[in-house]
Amino acid sequence: MLKGSQAANPDLWRRLGQMPEKRVAKTDHVADSVMDETLLAQHTTASVVENKTVVTIDFATTGDWYPCLFGSIGLDEQGQLFFSEGALARLEDDTHLVFKNAPWKNPGFQEALATALRKGGFEANRQWVSLPTQISFSREEITETELNAWKKQTIRECEAFRPERPFACINAHSIDSLKHRIRVEGTSVVPANMLANLLKGSNQLVITSELDEKQWLWLLTELQQLPDGQRPLLFTSVANGSLPLTALFPLTALFPLMALFPLTVEKQFNLKKGH
């Protein structure tokens, strides 16, 4: 089993990252996707089953579903390596799992879950982990209407923005880097909440590009989990949002941006050629 007494350094983490992650081998997968769907359907219920232990697994803030279910190498608060168990480990008998916002459209997700059910367990950290008997699960997804209502409730009007106060900006590209749970500190790799680190000293967060539904769900869930004193006011400066670029940057600083992204900036200013 994985254990260690020395803090992980960047080189060790790099070498570990190059090691192939052990997953359910495709050679062990004896059924096709149709048989997987049939097996999963046999364990699926329309709602939570009564008189069962209910465990909810929310994938909204999960970067990779596999470690979430089956476990993976992690770092403790001292920066030491350990094996972090997945949500399917140590389940009681007659457990009902609620898969919330799970990636059911991902064939690998269905295959890995069906294979574990078929075998009655899975291997993790060189040990066999047995799944409980009579396991069942249900699905729970946030709807587009619910997500839009959540966004509307969270995003503030432009009048509340204070440019003289510290603020942080994110976009569709940078948001993915915030999902990492580790960072390099000196010569060591330590666990970290990248979003919380970004927001240190700022009580305003501005989204400067369009986000897809998964990114919105991740961001809103992460913000909801922050303590009240650390939760920022949320604004958006996209074309159909509340903040114009002039609220974020001086006009002189926008001239280079207009040369690079003329259509985007013109839309922000409602400019038209010839005016």
Protein backbone atom coordinates (compact mmCIF):
# COMPACT_ATOMS: atom_id res chain seq x y z
CA MET A 1 0.00 0.00 0.00
CA LEU A 2 1.05 3.56 -0.57
CA LYS A 3 2.54 5.34 2.39
CA GLY A 4 5.42 7.73 3.02
CA SER A 5 7.03 9.89 5.68
CA GLN A 6 8.61 12.57 3.51
CA ALA A 7 6.84 15.48 1.90
CA ALA A 8 6.27 15.15 -1.83
CA ASN A 9 8.40 17.41 -4.01
CA PRO A 10 7.61 18.58 -7.56
CA ASP A 11 9.91 15.99 -9.18
CA LEU A 12 8.29 13.12 -7.29
CA TRP A 13 4.85 14.37 -8.25
CA ARG A 14 5.97 14.66 -11.88
CA ARG A 15 7.21 11.05 -11.90
CA LEU A 16 4.02 9.83 -10.27
CA GLY A 17 2.04 11.65 -12.92
CA GLN A 18 3.92 9.72 -15.60
CA MET A 19 2.92 6.39 -14.08
CA PRO A 20 -0.12 4.80 -15.74
CA GLU A 21 -3.12 4.92 -13.45
CA LYS A 22 -4.55 1.50 -12.70
CA ARG A 23 -8.12 1.34 -13.82
CA VAL A 24 -10.50 -1.48 -14.59
CA ALA A 25 -8.72 -3.27 -17.41
CA LYS A 26 -10.51 -3.45 -20.72
CA THR A 27 -9.49 -7.12 -20.97
CA ASP A 28 -11.62 -7.75 -17.89
CA HIS A 29 -14.62 -6.14 -19.52
CA VAL A 30 -16.49 -9.14 -20.91
CA ALA A 31 -19.75 -7.39 -21.74
CA ASP A 32 -20.55 -4.83 -24.36
CA SER A 33 -22.12 -1.45 -23.72
CA VAL A 34 -25.64 -2.82 -24.11
CA MET A 35 -25.04 -5.37 -21.35
CA ASP A 36 -23.55 -2.59 -19.20
CA GLU A 37 -26.67 -0.47 -19.60
CA THR A 38 -28.85 -3.47 -18.74
CA LEU A 39 -26.86 -4.21 -15.59
CA LEU A 40 -26.91 -0.58 -14.48
CA ALA A 41 -30.65 -0.39 -15.13
CA GLN A 42 -31.19 -3.37 -12.81
CA HIS A 43 -29.64 -1.41 -9.95
CA THR A 44 -31.27 1.92 -10.79
CA THR A 45 -34.40 3.17 -9.05
CA ALA A 46 -36.50 6.22 -9.83
CA SER A 47 -36.00 7.66 -6.34
CA VAL A 48 -34.29 6.99 -3.02
CA VAL A 49 -35.14 3.56 -1.61
CA GLU A 50 -36.57 3.58 1.91
CA ASN A 51 -34.85 1.83 4.83
CA LYS A 52 -31.47 2.06 3.14
CA THR A 53 -28.35 3.99 4.00
CA VAL A 54 -28.22 6.87 1.51
CA VAL A 55 -24.89 8.15 0.21
CA THR A 56 -24.88 11.12 -2.17
CA ILE A 57 -21.97 11.52 -4.60
CA ASP A 58 -21.92 14.95 -6.24
CA PHE A 59 -19.77 15.18 -9.37
CA ALA A 60 -20.32 18.92 -9.87
CA THR A 61 -16.90 19.87 -8.48
CA THR A 62 -15.11 16.69 -9.50
CA GLY A 63 -12.44 17.11 -12.15
CA ASP A 64 -12.14 13.36 -12.76
CA TRP A 65 -14.90 10.92 -11.93
CA TYR A 66 -12.59 7.90 -11.53
CA PRO A 67 -10.71 9.01 -8.38
CA CYS A 68 -14.01 10.19 -6.97
CA LEU A 69 -15.47 6.68 -7.19
CA PHE A 70 -12.47 4.38 -6.83
CA GLY A 71 -9.81 6.48 -5.09
CA SER A 72 -6.42 7.87 -6.09
CA ILE A 73 -3.09 9.17 -4.79
CA GLY A 74 -3.48 12.37 -2.78
CA LEU A 75 -1.64 14.73 -0.47
CA ASP A 76 -2.35 15.30 3.19
CA GLU A 77 -2.05 18.66 4.95
CA GLN A 78 1.67 18.02 5.53
CA GLY A 79 2.28 17.42 1.84
CA GLN A 80 2.80 13.68 2.27
CA LEU A 81 1.51 11.11 -0.18
CA PHE A 82 -1.35 8.86 0.80
CA PHE A 83 -4.08 6.90 -0.91
CA SER A 84 -7.40 8.71 -0.77
CA GLU A 85 -10.28 6.24 -0.80
CA GLY A 86 -13.09 6.71 -3.28
CA ALA A 87 -16.77 7.09 -2.51
CA LEU A 88 -17.41 3.39 -3.25
CA ALA A 89 -15.11 2.22 -0.45
CA ARG A 90 -16.41 1.16 2.98
CA LEU A 91 -20.08 1.25 2.03
CA GLU A 92 -22.55 -0.42 4.35
CA ASP A 93 -24.83 -3.23 3.23
CA ASP A 94 -28.08 -2.16 1.58
CA THR A 95 -26.62 1.19 0.55
CA HIS A 96 -28.44 3.44 -1.88
CA LEU A 97 -26.20 5.75 -3.88
CA VAL A 98 -27.44 9.04 -5.28
CA PHE A 99 -25.31 9.94 -8.30
CA LYS A 100 -25.71 13.70 -8.55
CA ASN A 101 -24.69 15.35 -11.84
CA ALA A 102 -22.83 12.20 -12.86
CA PRO A 103 -21.23 11.86 -16.34
CA TRP A 104 -23.58 9.18 -17.63
CA LYS A 105 -22.82 10.10 -21.24
CA ASN A 106 -19.19 9.08 -20.68
CA PRO A 107 -18.85 5.43 -21.85
CA GLY A 108 -15.89 4.90 -19.53
CA PHE A 109 -17.97 5.89 -16.52
CA GLN A 110 -20.68 3.35 -17.31
CA GLU A 111 -18.16 0.64 -18.14
CA ALA A 112 -16.15 1.06 -14.92
CA LEU A 113 -19.26 1.14 -12.73
CA ALA A 114 -20.85 -1.86 -14.48
CA THR A 115 -17.62 -3.87 -14.23
CA ALA A 116 -17.37 -3.19 -10.50
CA LEU A 117 -20.99 -4.26 -10.03
CA ARG A 118 -20.46 -7.39 -12.09
CA LYS A 119 -17.39 -8.40 -10.09
CA GLY A 120 -18.82 -7.35 -6.76
CA GLY A 121 -15.97 -4.95 -6.11
CA PHE A 122 -12.77 -3.45 -7.46
CA GLU A 123 -9.05 -3.24 -6.76
CA ALA A 124 -7.66 -0.07 -5.21
CA ASN A 125 -4.25 0.55 -3.66
CA ARG A 126 -3.40 -3.15 -4.22
CA GLN A 127 -6.35 -4.25 -2.12
CA TRP A 128 -9.72 -5.68 -3.06
CA VAL A 129 -12.65 -3.48 -2.13
CA SER A 130 -15.98 -5.30 -1.98
CA LEU A 131 -19.21 -3.55 -2.85
CA PRO A 132 -22.13 -4.12 -0.47
CA THR A 133 -24.88 -6.55 -1.30
CA GLN A 134 -28.21 -5.24 -2.51
CA ILE A 135 -26.67 -1.95 -3.66
CA SER A 136 -28.93 0.43 -5.58
CA PHE A 137 -28.64 3.92 -6.96
CA SER A 138 -30.64 6.76 -8.45
CA ARG A 139 -29.79 9.74 -10.62
CA GLU A 140 -30.16 13.40 -9.78
CA GLU A 141 -29.42 16.11 -12.31
CA ILE A 142 -29.73 19.85 -12.15
CA THR A 143 -32.00 21.10 -14.92
CA GLU A 144 -31.26 24.01 -17.22
CA THR A 145 -34.07 25.97 -15.60
CA GLU A 146 -32.68 25.35 -12.12
CA LEU A 147 -29.17 26.32 -13.20
CA ASN A 148 -30.37 29.54 -14.82
CA ALA A 149 -32.35 30.41 -11.69
CA TRP A 150 -29.25 29.77 -9.56
CA LYS A 151 -27.20 32.03 -11.83
CA LYS A 152 -29.81 34.77 -11.71
CA GLN A 153 -29.93 34.57 -7.94
CA THR A 154 -26.13 34.72 -7.57
CA ILE A 155 -24.98 37.24 -10.22
CA ARG A 156 -25.17 40.81 -8.96
CA GLU A 157 -26.29 43.90 -10.85
CA CYS A 158 -23.58 46.18 -12.22
CA GLU A 159 -24.52 48.96 -9.78
CA ALA A 160 -23.13 46.84 -6.93
CA PHE A 161 -19.67 46.59 -8.51
CA ARG A 162 -16.96 48.77 -6.92
CA PRO A 163 -13.93 49.11 -9.24
CA GLU A 164 -11.93 50.82 -6.50
CA ARG A 165 -12.10 47.64 -4.43
CA PRO A 166 -10.01 44.51 -5.14
CA PHE A 167 -11.53 42.06 -7.58
CA ALA A 168 -10.49 38.86 -9.36
CA CYS A 169 -11.29 37.81 -12.94
CA ILE A 170 -11.78 34.36 -14.46
CA ASN A 171 -12.81 33.08 -17.89
CA ALA A 172 -13.61 29.80 -19.61
CA HIS A 173 -9.93 28.94 -20.01
CA SER A 174 -8.62 29.89 -16.57
CA ILE A 175 -11.47 28.20 -14.71
CA ASP A 176 -10.07 24.76 -15.54
CA SER A 177 -6.78 25.56 -13.79
CA LEU A 178 -8.74 26.43 -10.64
CA LYS A 179 -9.97 22.83 -10.40
CA HIS A 180 -6.52 21.58 -9.40
CA ARG A 181 -6.22 20.72 -5.73
CA ILE A 182 -2.44 20.99 -5.44
CA ARG A 183 0.15 23.69 -5.93
CA VAL A 184 3.93 24.02 -5.73
CA GLU A 185 5.16 25.85 -2.64
CA GLY A 186 8.95 26.23 -2.66
CA THR A 187 10.29 22.73 -3.25
CA SER A 188 7.16 20.94 -2.08
CA VAL A 189 3.77 20.13 -3.49
CA VAL A 190 0.95 20.97 -1.07
CA PRO A 191 -2.85 20.66 -1.19
CA ALA A 192 -4.67 23.87 -2.04
CA ASN A 193 -8.00 25.36 -2.93
CA MET A 194 -7.04 27.33 -6.03
CA LEU A 195 -10.28 29.31 -6.16
CA ALA A 196 -9.96 30.34 -2.52
CA ASN A 197 -6.35 31.35 -3.15
CA LEU A 198 -7.40 33.47 -6.12
CA LEU A 199 -10.02 35.24 -4.04
CA LYS A 200 -7.72 36.13 -1.15
CA GLY A 201 -8.00 39.84 -0.53
CA SER A 202 -10.86 40.21 -3.02
CA ASN A 203 -14.57 40.26 -2.34
CA GLN A 204 -15.59 40.62 -6.00
CA LEU A 205 -15.30 38.00 -8.76
CA VAL A 206 -15.85 38.91 -12.42
CA ILE A 207 -16.47 36.39 -15.21
CA THR A 208 -15.04 37.82 -18.43
CA SER A 209 -16.20 35.21 -20.96
CA GLU A 210 -19.02 32.78 -21.65
CA LEU A 211 -19.04 29.61 -19.53
CA ASP A 212 -20.67 26.32 -20.44
CA GLU A 213 -23.17 24.61 -18.15
CA LYS A 214 -20.59 22.35 -16.49
CA GLN A 215 -18.33 25.31 -15.73
CA TRP A 216 -21.22 27.30 -14.30
CA LEU A 217 -22.26 24.36 -12.15
CA TRP A 218 -18.70 23.89 -10.88
CA LEU A 219 -18.25 27.58 -10.08
CA LEU A 220 -21.59 28.07 -8.34
CA THR A 221 -21.11 24.91 -6.27
CA GLU A 222 -17.59 25.93 -5.25
CA LEU A 223 -18.73 29.42 -4.27
CA GLN A 224 -21.59 27.97 -2.24
CA GLN A 225 -19.14 25.82 -0.29
CA LEU A 226 -16.97 28.79 0.72
CA PRO A 227 -17.51 30.27 4.20
CA ASP A 228 -19.78 33.32 4.22
CA GLY A 229 -16.88 35.66 4.92
CA GLN A 230 -14.93 34.36 1.91
CA ARG A 231 -17.77 34.24 -0.61
CA PRO A 232 -17.38 37.08 -3.14
CA LEU A 233 -19.96 39.08 -5.01
CA LEU A 234 -20.27 37.61 -8.51
CA PHE A 235 -20.42 39.72 -11.67
CA THR A 236 -20.22 39.01 -15.38
CA SER A 237 -18.80 41.26 -18.09
CA VAL A 238 -19.74 39.20 -21.15
CA ALA A 239 -21.71 40.88 -23.90
CA ASN A 240 -25.11 40.07 -22.42
CA GLY A 241 -23.96 40.52 -18.84
CA SER A 242 -23.96 43.40 -16.42
CA LEU A 243 -20.48 44.94 -16.50
CA PRO A 244 -18.91 46.80 -19.43
CA LEU A 245 -15.15 46.56 -19.87
CA THR A 246 -14.81 50.21 -18.82
CA ALA A 247 -15.87 49.21 -15.33
CA LEU A 248 -12.86 46.91 -15.10
CA PHE A 249 -10.13 48.76 -17.01
CA PRO A 250 -9.32 52.39 -17.85
CA LEU A 251 -10.27 53.43 -21.37
CA THR A 252 -6.61 53.89 -22.35
CA ALA A 253 -5.88 50.30 -21.40
CA LEU A 254 -8.61 49.10 -23.77
CA PHE A 255 -7.14 50.52 -26.98
CA PRO A 256 -4.68 47.57 -27.39
CA LEU A 257 -7.59 45.20 -26.71
CA MET A 258 -9.65 46.85 -29.42
CA ALA A 259 -6.86 46.21 -31.91
CA LEU A 260 -6.74 42.54 -30.94
CA PHE A 261 -10.44 41.87 -30.40
CA PRO A 262 -12.32 44.64 -32.24
CA LEU A 263 -15.67 42.86 -32.49
CA THR A 264 -15.72 41.86 -28.84
CA VAL A 265 -14.77 45.30 -27.57
CA GLU A 266 -17.15 47.07 -29.95
CA LYS A 267 -19.94 44.93 -28.64
CA GLN A 268 -19.03 45.85 -25.08
CA PHE A 269 -19.14 49.56 -25.91
CA ASN A 270 -22.06 49.30 -28.36
CA LEU A 271 -19.83 50.99 -30.90
CA LYS A 272 -20.67 51.20 -34.61
CA LYS A 273 -18.41 51.98 -37.49
CA GLY A 274 -18.45 55.59 -38.53
CA HIS A 275 -19.24 56.91 -35.03
